[in-house]
Amino acid sequence: MTGTAWKRTVIQERFTRVTKRGWRNELRSVTARMPVNGTGEVAGVADIRACVSVQRGTRRVPDGTERVCRTKSRKVACGTEEKCRRKDMGNGFMEEVCEDVTKYCRESYEDCQNETRYRREPVYADQCTYDTHEWKPLTRREASGTDDAPRWPELAVGAADRLRREETYTVRLRYEDDGAHEHVLEPEDERTFLVWKKGQGARLTVTNLGTVEKVVPR
């Protein structure tokens, strides 16, 4: 193992009043509730206003009839053919019995009928402006390092704020397989990252195509 790296980010988010637009039939007035220590918030819906009828979609409506033909196939008699079978005479001999039977063929035909014709027409609904709240990023702090223990950057927040945390970890491994190669491992959390120390050995499972399938620290 040739080295490790980490990066941690803390994002301060504030529950902020914003203006949005939505469909009137999906909106109902709800009292907003501010968060306490970053939790317990309710976005709320207030001051529904400035409603305008706009196209929301389309619908299919009947518009008369139309003649529709489809090609189908059916079995029809098309002459006869001779078929023979062997009949046991009961005395040790067999008799061949032949007869003419109807021969059938497949033929195509047009099946036509009147069907309802449809057209698309616009559907309108009221779209309105309203006030609500959502979390908005306010301040961002980052900390990073190599070959040392990860730490979180310090960031103080108020009662109406919350912290969102992001973290990435990298472990670089060098191995020989018909030449020198490097494999980058990305542990999913701090616990699996701290297993690795610079200079530590590892067992790698590598396919014939050169893909690293498994890495186990020693």
Protein backbone atom coordinates (compact mmCIF):
# COMPACT_ATOMS: atom_id res chain seq x y z
CA MET A 1 0.00 0.00 0.00
CA THR A 2 1.62 3.24 -1.16
CA GLY A 3 -0.58 5.83 0.52
CA THR A 4 -3.98 7.02 1.70
CA ALA A 5 -5.98 10.21 1.26
CA TRP A 6 -9.23 11.58 2.66
CA LYS A 7 -11.52 14.55 2.26
CA ARG A 8 -14.35 15.62 4.53
CA THR A 9 -16.88 18.35 3.85
CA VAL A 10 -19.33 20.01 6.20
CA ILE A 11 -22.15 22.03 4.65
CA GLN A 12 -24.23 24.42 6.72
CA GLU A 13 -27.83 24.51 5.46
CA ARG A 14 -30.50 27.00 6.51
CA PHE A 15 -34.26 26.45 6.40
CA THR A 16 -35.13 29.27 4.03
CA ARG A 17 -38.39 30.76 2.75
CA VAL A 18 -38.70 30.28 -1.02
CA THR A 19 -41.31 30.92 -3.70
CA LYS A 20 -42.44 28.11 -5.99
CA ARG A 21 -45.21 27.26 -8.41
CA GLY A 22 -47.51 24.25 -8.24
CA TRP A 23 -50.84 22.86 -9.38
CA ARG A 24 -53.74 24.34 -7.44
CA ASN A 25 -55.44 20.99 -6.81
CA GLU A 26 -52.25 19.73 -5.14
CA LEU A 27 -51.82 22.72 -2.84
CA ARG A 28 -53.36 23.25 0.56
CA SER A 29 -52.37 25.76 3.18
CA VAL A 30 -50.07 24.27 5.82
CA THR A 31 -48.45 26.22 8.64
CA ALA A 32 -44.66 26.12 8.48
CA ARG A 33 -42.67 25.00 11.50
CA MET A 34 -39.06 26.05 11.96
CA PRO A 35 -36.49 23.39 12.89
CA VAL A 36 -34.94 23.11 16.33
CA ASN A 37 -31.32 21.97 16.26
CA GLY A 38 -31.75 21.00 12.63
CA THR A 39 -34.80 18.74 12.96
CA GLY A 40 -38.59 18.79 13.29
CA GLU A 41 -39.22 21.21 10.45
CA VAL A 42 -42.36 21.49 8.30
CA ALA A 43 -41.94 23.22 4.94
CA GLY A 44 -45.49 24.60 4.92
CA VAL A 45 -47.56 26.13 2.12
CA ALA A 46 -48.68 29.76 2.41
CA ASP A 47 -49.99 32.69 0.39
CA ILE A 48 -51.31 30.75 -2.60
CA ARG A 49 -51.71 33.39 -5.32
CA ALA A 50 -51.36 34.42 -8.96
CA CYS A 51 -53.15 31.36 -10.32
CA VAL A 52 -53.10 31.03 -14.11
CA SER A 53 -54.70 28.40 -16.32
CA VAL A 54 -51.97 26.57 -18.27
CA GLN A 55 -51.79 23.35 -20.23
CA ARG A 56 -51.02 20.44 -17.94
CA GLY A 57 -51.22 17.62 -20.46
CA THR A 58 -53.45 16.06 -23.10
CA ARG A 59 -56.27 13.56 -23.19
CA ARG A 60 -57.62 11.21 -25.85
CA VAL A 61 -61.19 11.88 -26.97
CA PRO A 62 -63.42 10.13 -29.56
CA ASP A 63 -63.45 11.81 -32.98
CA GLY A 64 -65.79 9.79 -35.23
CA THR A 65 -64.97 6.45 -36.80
CA GLU A 66 -62.50 5.15 -39.35
CA ARG A 67 -62.22 2.06 -41.51
CA VAL A 68 -59.42 -0.16 -40.22
CA CYS A 69 -58.20 -3.24 -42.09
CA ARG A 70 -55.89 -5.90 -40.72
CA THR A 71 -54.26 -8.74 -42.63
CA LYS A 72 -55.12 -12.12 -41.14
CA SER A 73 -54.79 -15.73 -42.24
CA ARG A 74 -57.19 -18.66 -42.20
CA LYS A 75 -57.27 -22.34 -43.11
CA VAL A 76 -59.25 -23.17 -46.27
CA ALA A 77 -59.88 -26.30 -48.32
CA CYS A 78 -57.64 -26.39 -51.39
CA GLY A 79 -58.32 -29.74 -53.06
CA THR A 80 -57.74 -33.32 -51.98
CA GLU A 81 -54.79 -35.58 -51.39
CA GLU A 82 -54.43 -39.33 -51.09
CA LYS A 83 -53.56 -40.76 -47.72
CA CYS A 84 -52.82 -44.42 -47.16
CA ARG A 85 -52.64 -46.54 -44.04
CA ARG A 86 -51.85 -50.16 -43.36
CA LYS A 87 -54.69 -52.32 -42.00
CA ASP A 88 -54.10 -55.57 -40.10
CA MET A 89 -56.16 -58.33 -41.75
CA GLY A 90 -55.98 -60.59 -38.68
CA ASN A 91 -54.41 -63.45 -40.60
CA GLY A 92 -50.82 -62.35 -40.55
CA PHE A 93 -51.18 -60.10 -43.57
CA MET A 94 -51.50 -56.32 -43.89
CA GLU A 95 -53.65 -54.48 -46.40
CA GLU A 96 -52.92 -50.96 -47.61
CA VAL A 97 -56.06 -48.82 -47.59
CA CYS A 98 -56.01 -45.49 -49.42
CA GLU A 99 -58.56 -42.71 -49.57
CA ASP A 100 -58.84 -39.13 -50.73
CA VAL A 101 -58.98 -36.58 -47.91
CA THR A 102 -59.48 -32.84 -47.98
CA LYS A 103 -56.27 -30.82 -48.20
CA TYR A 104 -56.06 -27.51 -46.30
CA CYS A 105 -53.95 -24.45 -47.04
CA ARG A 106 -53.37 -21.06 -45.36
CA GLU A 107 -54.62 -17.96 -47.14
CA SER A 108 -54.37 -14.28 -46.24
CA TYR A 109 -57.37 -11.98 -46.17
CA GLU A 110 -58.25 -8.45 -45.11
CA ASP A 111 -60.45 -8.12 -42.03
CA CYS A 112 -61.99 -4.63 -42.15
CA GLN A 113 -64.30 -2.92 -39.68
CA ASN A 114 -65.25 0.52 -38.45
CA GLU A 115 -63.45 1.58 -35.28
CA THR A 116 -63.57 4.68 -33.11
CA ARG A 117 -61.05 7.31 -34.14
CA TYR A 118 -59.37 9.36 -31.39
CA ARG A 119 -57.63 12.71 -31.23
CA ARG A 120 -55.55 14.43 -28.56
CA GLU A 121 -56.81 17.62 -26.97
CA PRO A 122 -55.11 19.81 -24.35
CA VAL A 123 -56.03 19.63 -20.67
CA TYR A 124 -55.77 22.83 -18.65
CA ALA A 125 -55.39 23.39 -14.92
CA ASP A 126 -54.63 26.27 -12.58
CA GLN A 127 -50.97 26.73 -11.66
CA CYS A 128 -50.27 29.00 -8.70
CA THR A 129 -47.41 30.72 -6.93
CA TYR A 130 -46.95 29.89 -3.25
CA ASP A 131 -44.46 30.30 -0.42
CA THR A 132 -42.77 27.40 1.33
CA HIS A 133 -39.43 26.55 2.96
CA GLU A 134 -36.52 24.33 1.97
CA TRP A 135 -32.97 23.67 3.09
CA LYS A 136 -30.47 25.89 1.26
CA PRO A 137 -26.65 25.59 1.46
CA LEU A 138 -25.13 28.54 3.29
CA THR A 139 -21.51 27.79 4.24
CA ARG A 140 -19.11 25.04 3.20
CA ARG A 141 -15.95 23.89 4.97
CA GLU A 142 -13.50 21.25 3.75
CA ALA A 143 -10.64 19.35 5.33
CA SER A 144 -8.33 16.87 3.64
CA GLY A 145 -5.14 14.98 4.27
CA THR A 146 -2.84 12.15 3.27
CA ASP A 147 -1.51 9.31 5.38
CA ASP A 148 -3.12 10.68 8.56
CA ALA A 149 -6.33 10.25 10.54
CA PRO A 150 -9.38 11.99 9.06
CA ARG A 151 -11.08 14.81 10.97
CA TRP A 152 -14.18 16.93 10.48
CA PRO A 153 -13.77 20.67 9.84
CA GLU A 154 -15.30 22.87 12.52
CA LEU A 155 -18.41 24.88 11.68
CA ALA A 156 -20.81 26.42 14.19
CA VAL A 157 -24.51 26.55 13.32
CA GLY A 158 -27.61 28.19 14.74
CA ALA A 159 -30.78 26.48 15.98
CA ALA A 160 -32.50 26.94 12.61
CA ASP A 161 -29.56 25.40 10.70
CA ARG A 162 -28.30 21.89 10.13
CA LEU A 163 -25.03 20.29 9.05
CA ARG A 164 -24.75 17.93 6.10
CA ARG A 165 -21.60 15.84 6.00
CA GLU A 166 -19.80 14.29 3.04
CA GLU A 167 -16.70 12.12 3.13
CA THR A 168 -14.48 10.34 0.61
CA TYR A 169 -11.54 8.02 1.24
CA THR A 170 -8.82 6.70 -1.08
CA VAL A 171 -6.27 3.92 -0.66
CA ARG A 172 -3.56 3.48 -3.33
CA LEU A 173 -2.08 0.03 -3.87
CA ARG A 174 0.87 -0.91 -6.06
CA TYR A 175 1.29 -4.46 -7.34
CA GLU A 176 3.29 -6.45 -9.88
CA ASP A 177 1.51 -8.40 -12.61
CA ASP A 178 3.63 -8.52 -15.75
CA GLY A 179 4.77 -5.03 -14.86
CA ALA A 180 3.94 -2.45 -12.21
CA HIS A 181 0.29 -1.46 -11.71
CA GLU A 182 -1.64 0.80 -9.35
CA HIS A 183 -5.11 0.09 -7.98
CA VAL A 184 -7.20 2.75 -6.23
CA LEU A 185 -9.51 1.51 -3.49
CA GLU A 186 -12.32 3.71 -2.14
CA PRO A 187 -13.43 2.57 1.35
CA GLU A 188 -17.05 3.43 2.08
CA ASP A 189 -16.55 4.71 5.62
CA GLU A 190 -13.96 5.73 8.21
CA ARG A 191 -13.89 2.32 9.88
CA THR A 192 -12.83 0.46 6.74
CA PHE A 193 -10.44 3.29 5.80
CA LEU A 194 -8.54 3.18 9.10
CA VAL A 195 -7.72 -0.50 8.55
CA TRP A 196 -5.09 0.65 6.03
CA LYS A 197 -1.65 2.00 6.98
CA LYS A 198 1.08 3.20 4.62
CA GLY A 199 3.45 0.38 3.71
CA GLN A 200 0.93 -2.29 4.68
CA GLY A 201 0.66 -5.39 2.46
CA ALA A 202 -2.46 -6.67 0.76
CA ARG A 203 -3.68 -9.70 -1.17
CA LEU A 204 -5.22 -8.86 -4.55
CA THR A 205 -7.31 -11.12 -6.77
CA VAL A 206 -6.72 -10.11 -10.40
CA THR A 207 -8.52 -11.56 -13.43
CA ASN A 208 -6.80 -12.62 -16.65
CA LEU A 209 -8.01 -9.33 -18.15
CA GLY A 210 -6.22 -7.36 -15.45
CA THR A 211 -9.28 -6.38 -13.41
CA VAL A 212 -8.86 -6.31 -9.63
CA GLU A 213 -11.80 -8.24 -8.19
CA LYS A 214 -10.89 -8.43 -4.51
CA VAL A 215 -8.53 -6.69 -2.09
CA VAL A 216 -7.82 -8.01 1.42
CA PRO A 217 -5.45 -6.19 3.80
CA ARG A 218 -2.75 -8.25 5.49
